PDB file of N, CA and C in Angstrom:
ATOM      1  N   UNK A   1       0.711  -1.333   0.153  1.00  0.00           N
ATOM      2  CA  UNK A   1      -0.049   0.294   0.053  1.00  0.00           C
ATOM      3  C   UNK A   1       1.232   1.466  -0.137  1.00  0.00           C
ATOM      4  N   UNK A   2       0.771   1.812  -0.753  1.00  0.00           N
ATOM      5  CA  UNK A   2       1.660   3.357  -1.129  1.00  0.00           C
ATOM      6  C   UNK A   2       0.735   4.721  -0.399  1.00  0.00           C
ATOM      7  N   UNK A   3       1.483   4.956   0.695  1.00  0.00           N
ATOM      8  CA  UNK A   3       0.818   6.263   1.267  1.00  0.00           C
ATOM      9  C   UNK A   3       2.016   7.520   1.198  1.00  0.00           C
ATOM     10  N   UNK A   4       1.472   8.653   1.818  1.00  0.00           N
ATOM     11  CA  UNK A   4       2.548   9.388   2.369  1.00  0.00           C
ATOM     12  C   UNK A   4       2.806   9.813   3.620  1.00  0.00           C
ATOM     13  N   UNK A   5       4.087  10.756   4.212  1.00  0.00           N
ATOM     14  CA  UNK A   5       4.465  11.140   5.410  1.00  0.00           C
ATOM     15  C   UNK A   5       4.805  12.473   5.437  1.00  0.00           C
ATOM     16  N   UNK A   6       4.831  13.051   6.245  1.00  0.00           N
ATOM     17  CA  UNK A   6       5.151  14.781   6.061  1.00  0.00           C
ATOM     18  C   UNK A   6       5.387  14.988   7.607  1.00  0.00           C
ATOM     19  N   UNK A   7       6.159  15.656   7.670  1.00  0.00           N
ATOM     20  CA  UNK A   7       6.224  16.603   9.103  1.00  0.00           C
ATOM     21  C   UNK A   7       6.366  18.042   9.345  1.00  0.00           C
ATOM     22  N   UNK A   8       5.476  18.430  10.033  1.00  0.00           N
ATOM     23  CA  UNK A   8       5.891  19.725  10.030  1.00  0.00           C
ATOM     24  C   UNK A   8       6.977  20.722  10.466  1.00  0.00           C
ATOM     25  N   UNK A   9       6.565  21.941  10.408  1.00  0.00           N
ATOM     26  CA  UNK A   9       7.619  22.911  10.967  1.00  0.00           C
ATOM     27  C   UNK A   9       7.917  22.728  12.306  1.00  0.00           C
ATOM     28  N   UNK A  10       8.823  22.740  12.648  1.00  0.00           N
ATOM     29  CA  UNK A  10       8.999  22.946  14.131  1.00  0.00           C
ATOM     30  C   UNK A  10       8.569  24.166  14.923  1.00  0.00           C
ATOM     31  N   UNK A  11       8.262  24.279  15.544  1.00  0.00           N
ATOM     32  CA  UNK A  11       7.856  25.220  16.434  1.00  0.00           C
ATOM     33  C   UNK A  11       8.599  26.447  16.772  1.00  0.00           C
ATOM     34  N   UNK A  12       9.541  25.960  17.785  1.00  0.00           N
ATOM     35  CA  UNK A  12      10.253  26.478  18.311  1.00  0.00           C
ATOM     36  C   UNK A  12      12.005  25.791  17.658  1.00  0.00           C
ATOM     37  N   UNK A  13      13.315  26.457  18.808  1.00  0.00           N
ATOM     38  CA  UNK A  13      13.997  25.557  17.990  1.00  0.00           C
ATOM     39  C   UNK A  13      14.557  24.155  18.676  1.00  0.00           C
ATOM     40  N   UNK A  14      13.464  24.162  20.131  1.00  0.00           N
ATOM     41  CA  UNK A  14      13.420  22.698  20.704  1.00  0.00           C
ATOM     42  C   UNK A  14      12.639  21.484  19.949  1.00  0.00           C
ATOM     43  N   UNK A  15      12.279  21.791  19.134  1.00  0.00           N
ATOM     44  CA  UNK A  15      11.253  21.034  18.252  1.00  0.00           C
ATOM     45  C   UNK A  15      10.111  21.636  17.693  1.00  0.00           C
ATOM     46  N   UNK A  16       8.797  20.783  18.637  1.00  0.00           N
ATOM     47  CA  UNK A  16       7.643  20.466  18.128  1.00  0.00           C
ATOM     48  C   UNK A  16       6.922  20.278  16.852  1.00  0.00           C
ATOM     49  N   UNK A  17       7.725  19.339  16.626  1.00  0.00           N
ATOM     50  CA  UNK A  17       6.855  18.678  14.821  1.00  0.00           C
ATOM     51  C   UNK A  17       5.804  17.468  15.470  1.00  0.00           C
ATOM     52  N   UNK A  18       5.056  17.498  14.119  1.00  0.00           N
ATOM     53  CA  UNK A  18       4.387  16.862  14.208  1.00  0.00           C
ATOM     54  C   UNK A  18       4.616  15.562  12.837  1.00  0.00           C
ATOM     55  N   UNK A  19       4.429  14.673  13.318  1.00  0.00           N
ATOM     56  CA  UNK A  19       4.716  12.883  11.572  1.00  0.00           C
ATOM     57  C   UNK A  19       3.145  12.673  11.413  1.00  0.00           C
ATOM     58  N   UNK A  20       2.609  12.658  10.112  1.00  0.00           N
ATOM     59  CA  UNK A  20       1.378  12.166   9.820  1.00  0.00           C
ATOM     60  C   UNK A  20       1.852  11.281   8.655  1.00  0.00           C
ATOM     61  N   UNK A  21       1.017  10.223   8.859  1.00  0.00           N
ATOM     62  CA  UNK A  21       0.756   9.263   7.462  1.00  0.00           C
ATOM     63  C   UNK A  21      -0.780   9.617   6.906  1.00  0.00           C
ATOM     64  N   UNK A  22      -0.384   9.806   5.610  1.00  0.00           N
ATOM     65  CA  UNK A  22      -1.522  10.121   4.660  1.00  0.00           C
ATOM     66  C   UNK A  22      -2.005   9.221   3.170  1.00  0.00           C
ATOM     67  N   UNK A  23      -3.340   9.384   3.567  1.00  0.00           N
ATOM     68  CA  UNK A  23      -3.524   7.851   2.152  1.00  0.00           C
ATOM     69  C   UNK A  23      -3.078   8.817   0.615  1.00  0.00           C
ATOM     70  N   UNK A  24      -3.556  10.667   0.679  1.00  0.00           N
ATOM     71  CA  UNK A  24      -3.221  11.105  -0.565  1.00  0.00           C
ATOM     72  C   UNK A  24      -2.137  12.013  -0.480  1.00  0.00           C
ATOM     73  N   UNK A  25      -1.414  12.532  -1.524  1.00  0.00           N
ATOM     74  CA  UNK A  25      -0.178  13.681  -0.936  1.00  0.00           C
ATOM     75  C   UNK A  25      -0.789  14.766  -0.239  1.00  0.00           C
ATOM     76  N   UNK A  26      -0.249  15.354   0.456  1.00  0.00           N
ATOM     77  CA  UNK A  26      -0.883  16.279   1.225  1.00  0.00           C
ATOM     78  C   UNK A  26      -0.293  17.869   0.725  1.00  0.00           C
ATOM     79  N   UNK A  27      -0.924  18.450   1.097  1.00  0.00           N
ATOM     80  CA  UNK A  27      -0.433  19.725   0.945  1.00  0.00           C
ATOM     81  C   UNK A  27      -0.469  20.804   1.927  1.00  0.00           C
ATOM     82  N   UNK A  28       0.985  21.287   1.973  1.00  0.00           N
ATOM     83  CA  UNK A  28       1.112  22.403   2.812  1.00  0.00           C
ATOM     84  C   UNK A  28       0.262  23.706   3.423  1.00  0.00           C
ATOM     85  N   UNK A  29      -0.113  24.030   4.697  1.00  0.00           N
ATOM     86  CA  UNK A  29      -1.173  25.392   4.670  1.00  0.00           C
ATOM     87  C   UNK A  29      -0.401  25.910   5.615  1.00  0.00           C
ATOM     88  N   UNK A  30       0.709  27.043   5.680  1.00  0.00           N
ATOM     89  CA  UNK A  30       1.068  27.898   6.027  1.00  0.00           C
ATOM     90  C   UNK A  30       0.649  28.347   7.399  1.00  0.00           C
ATOM     91  N   UNK A  31      -0.972  28.769   7.055  1.00  0.00           N
ATOM     92  CA  UNK A  31      -0.973  29.732   7.871  1.00  0.00           C
ATOM     93  C   UNK A  31      -2.175  28.983   9.290  1.00  0.00           C
ATOM     94  N   UNK A  32      -1.656  27.291   9.346  1.00  0.00           N
ATOM     95  CA  UNK A  32      -2.245  26.429  10.144  1.00  0.00           C
ATOM     96  C   UNK A  32      -0.912  25.806  10.732  1.00  0.00           C
ATOM     97  N   UNK A  33       0.426  25.657  10.033  1.00  0.00           N
ATOM     98  CA  UNK A  33       1.063  25.463  10.403  1.00  0.00           C
ATOM     99  C   UNK A  33       0.880  23.416  10.349  1.00  0.00           C
ATOM    100  N   UNK A  34       0.276  23.286   9.024  1.00  0.00           N
ATOM    101  CA  UNK A  34      -0.326  21.691   9.085  1.00  0.00           C
ATOM    102  C   UNK A  34       0.037  20.984   7.029  1.00  0.00           C
ATOM    103  N   UNK A  35      -0.170  20.141   7.431  1.00  0.00           N
ATOM    104  CA  UNK A  35      -0.335  19.113   6.294  1.00  0.00           C
ATOM    105  C   UNK A  35      -1.917  19.116   6.086  1.00  0.00           C
ATOM    106  N   UNK A  36      -2.604  18.796   4.538  1.00  0.00           N
ATOM    107  CA  UNK A  36      -3.815  19.056   4.381  1.00  0.00           C
ATOM    108  C   UNK A  36      -3.821  17.929   3.229  1.00  0.00           C
ATOM    109  N   UNK A  37      -4.939  17.056   3.749  1.00  0.00           N
ATOM    110  CA  UNK A  37      -5.146  15.793   2.129  1.00  0.00           C
ATOM    111  C   UNK A  37      -6.185  15.821   2.057  1.00  0.00           C
ATOM    112  N   UNK A  38      -6.774  15.504   0.920  1.00  0.00           N
ATOM    113  CA  UNK A  38      -8.313  15.997   0.408  1.00  0.00           C
ATOM    114  C   UNK A  38      -8.714  14.235   0.822  1.00  0.00           C
ATOM    115  N   UNK A  39      -8.347  13.846   1.399  1.00  0.00           N
ATOM    116  CA  UNK A  39      -8.818  12.294   1.720  1.00  0.00           C
ATOM    117  C   UNK A  39      -8.587  12.342   3.372  1.00  0.00           C
ATOM    118  N   UNK A  40      -8.969  13.005   3.756  1.00  0.00           N
ATOM    119  CA  UNK A  40      -9.626  13.100   5.456  1.00  0.00           C
ATOM    120  C   UNK A  40      -8.333  13.505   6.190  1.00  0.00           C
ATOM    121  N   UNK A  41      -8.134  12.953   7.501  1.00  0.00           N
ATOM    122  CA  UNK A  41      -7.336  13.096   8.459  1.00  0.00           C
ATOM    123  C   UNK A  41      -5.766  12.157   8.530  1.00  0.00           C
ATOM    124  N   UNK A  42      -5.012  12.449   9.281  1.00  0.00           N
ATOM    125  CA  UNK A  42      -3.676  11.647   9.073  1.00  0.00           C
ATOM    126  C   UNK A  42      -3.744  10.780  10.233  1.00  0.00           C
ATOM    127  N   UNK A  43      -2.989   9.967  10.116  1.00  0.00           N
ATOM    128  CA  UNK A  43      -2.955   8.978  10.663  1.00  0.00           C
ATOM    129  C   UNK A  43      -0.939   9.676  11.606  1.00  0.00           C
ATOM    130  N   UNK A  44      -1.675  10.159  12.914  1.00  0.00           N
ATOM    131  CA  UNK A  44       0.142  10.689  13.570  1.00  0.00           C
ATOM    132  C   UNK A  44       0.117   9.719  14.551  1.00  0.00           C
ATOM    133  N   UNK A  45       1.592   9.795  14.165  1.00  0.00           N
ATOM    134  CA  UNK A  45       2.973   8.835  14.387  1.00  0.00           C
ATOM    135  C   UNK A  45       4.191   9.594  15.614  1.00  0.00           C
ATOM    136  N   UNK A  46       4.433   9.005  16.363  1.00  0.00           N
ATOM    137  CA  UNK A  46       5.250   9.460  17.188  1.00  0.00           C
ATOM    138  C   UNK A  46       6.098  10.225  16.723  1.00  0.00           C
ATOM    139  N   UNK A  47       6.713  11.258  16.760  1.00  0.00           N
ATOM    140  CA  UNK A  47       7.321  12.612  16.214  1.00  0.00           C
ATOM    141  C   UNK A  47       8.598  12.308  15.971  1.00  0.00           C
ATOM    142  N   UNK A  48       9.118  11.217  17.292  1.00  0.00           N
ATOM    143  CA  UNK A  48      10.802  11.037  17.349  1.00  0.00           C
ATOM    144  C   UNK A  48      10.862  10.031  15.948  1.00  0.00           C
ATOM    145  N   UNK A  49       9.717   9.313  15.283  1.00  0.00           N
ATOM    146  CA  UNK A  49       9.631   7.866  14.397  1.00  0.00           C
ATOM    147  C   UNK A  49      10.413   8.478  13.070  1.00  0.00           C
ATOM    148  N   UNK A  50      11.000   7.822  12.534  1.00  0.00           N
ATOM    149  CA  UNK A  50      11.427   8.556  10.770  1.00  0.00           C
ATOM    150  C   UNK A  50      12.452   9.854  11.089  1.00  0.00           C
ATOM    151  N   UNK A  51      13.038   9.950  11.752  1.00  0.00           N
ATOM    152  CA  UNK A  51      14.088  11.328  11.916  1.00  0.00           C
ATOM    153  C   UNK A  51      14.373  11.681  10.079  1.00  0.00           C
ATOM    154  N   UNK A  52      14.717  10.894   9.692  1.00  0.00           N
ATOM    155  CA  UNK A  52      15.413  11.421   8.375  1.00  0.00           C
ATOM    156  C   UNK A  52      14.003  12.056   7.342  1.00  0.00           C
ATOM    157  N   UNK A  53      12.644  11.756   7.798  1.00  0.00           N
ATOM    158  CA  UNK A  53      11.900  12.409   7.688  1.00  0.00           C
ATOM    159  C   UNK A  53      11.941  14.024   7.932  1.00  0.00           C
ATOM    160  N   UNK A  54      12.099  15.131   7.542  1.00  0.00           N
ATOM    161  CA  UNK A  54      12.312  16.988   7.779  1.00  0.00           C
ATOM    162  C   UNK A  54      10.752  17.342   6.804  1.00  0.00           C
ATOM    163  N   UNK A  55      10.937  18.804   7.728  1.00  0.00           N
ATOM    164  CA  UNK A  55      10.065  19.484   7.160  1.00  0.00           C
ATOM    165  C   UNK A  55      10.114  19.528   5.690  1.00  0.00           C
ATOM    166  N   UNK A  56      11.392  20.105   5.245  1.00  0.00           N
ATOM    167  CA  UNK A  56      12.502  20.408   3.872  1.00  0.00           C
ATOM    168  C   UNK A  56      12.280  19.263   3.234  1.00  0.00           C
ATOM    169  N   UNK A  57      12.283  17.968   3.392  1.00  0.00           N
ATOM    170  CA  UNK A  57      12.118  17.184   2.069  1.00  0.00           C
ATOM    171  C   UNK A  57      10.798  16.235   2.287  1.00  0.00           C
ATOM    172  N   UNK A  58       9.384  17.168   3.248  1.00  0.00           N
ATOM    173  CA  UNK A  58       8.298  16.666   3.051  1.00  0.00           C
ATOM    174  C   UNK A  58       7.649  17.047   2.202  1.00  0.00           C
ATOM    175  N   UNK A  59       6.677  16.406   1.224  1.00  0.00           N
ATOM    176  CA  UNK A  59       5.781  14.998   1.858  1.00  0.00           C
ATOM    177  C   UNK A  59       6.715  13.889   1.062  1.00  0.00           C
ATOM    178  N   UNK A  60       6.760  12.869   1.603  1.00  0.00           N
ATOM    179  CA  UNK A  60       7.806  11.678   0.976  1.00  0.00           C
ATOM    180  C   UNK A  60       6.749   9.912   0.732  1.00  0.00           C
ATOM    181  N   UNK A  61       6.393   9.458  -0.206  1.00  0.00           N
ATOM    182  CA  UNK A  61       5.639   8.410  -0.665  1.00  0.00           C
ATOM    183  C   UNK A  61       6.238   7.456  -0.084  1.00  0.00           C
ATOM    184  N   UNK A  62       5.787   6.713   0.402  1.00  0.00           N
ATOM    185  CA  UNK A  62       6.373   5.059   1.319  1.00  0.00           C
ATOM    186  C   UNK A  62       5.420   4.470   1.093  1.00  0.00           C
ATOM    187  N   UNK A  63       5.835   3.334   1.168  1.00  0.00           N
ATOM    188  CA  UNK A  63       5.485   1.696   0.950  1.00  0.00           C
ATOM    189  C   UNK A  63       4.717   1.113   1.970  1.00  0.00           C
ATOM    190  N   UNK A  64       3.866   0.913   2.456  1.00  0.00           N
ATOM    191  CA  UNK A  64       3.288   0.226   3.874  1.00  0.00           C
ATOM    192  C   UNK A  64       3.090  -1.624   3.681  1.00  0.00           C
ATOM    193  N   UNK A  65       3.887  -2.025   4.393  1.00  0.00           N
ATOM    194  CA  UNK A  65       3.740  -3.524   4.173  1.00  0.00           C
ATOM    195  C   UNK A  65       3.185  -4.009   5.327  1.00  0.00           C
ATOM    196  N   UNK A  66       1.849  -4.909   5.021  1.00  0.00           N
ATOM    197  CA  UNK A  66       1.208  -5.156   6.324  1.00  0.00           C
ATOM    198  C   UNK A  66       1.951  -6.719   6.324  1.00  0.00           C
ATOM    199  N   UNK A  67       2.249  -7.390   7.500  1.00  0.00           N
ATOM    200  CA  UNK A  67       2.609  -8.758   7.348  1.00  0.00           C
ATOM    201  C   UNK A  67       1.858  -9.466   8.389  1.00  0.00           C
TER     202      UNK A  67
END
């Protein structure tokens, strides 16, 4: 299953980001500091996971395998 993962901008120098998993490619909404997808709400993931995903390289397409 292909999905999208994206991280918000840090709210301060200490971090404060959210990491979301989306069904469709999300678009960034600057006024709300979040990513929005036309297919509903994201599944939020622990922000410490996937440290290689940053705001600058978001969104990224990922493949999810169910085992």
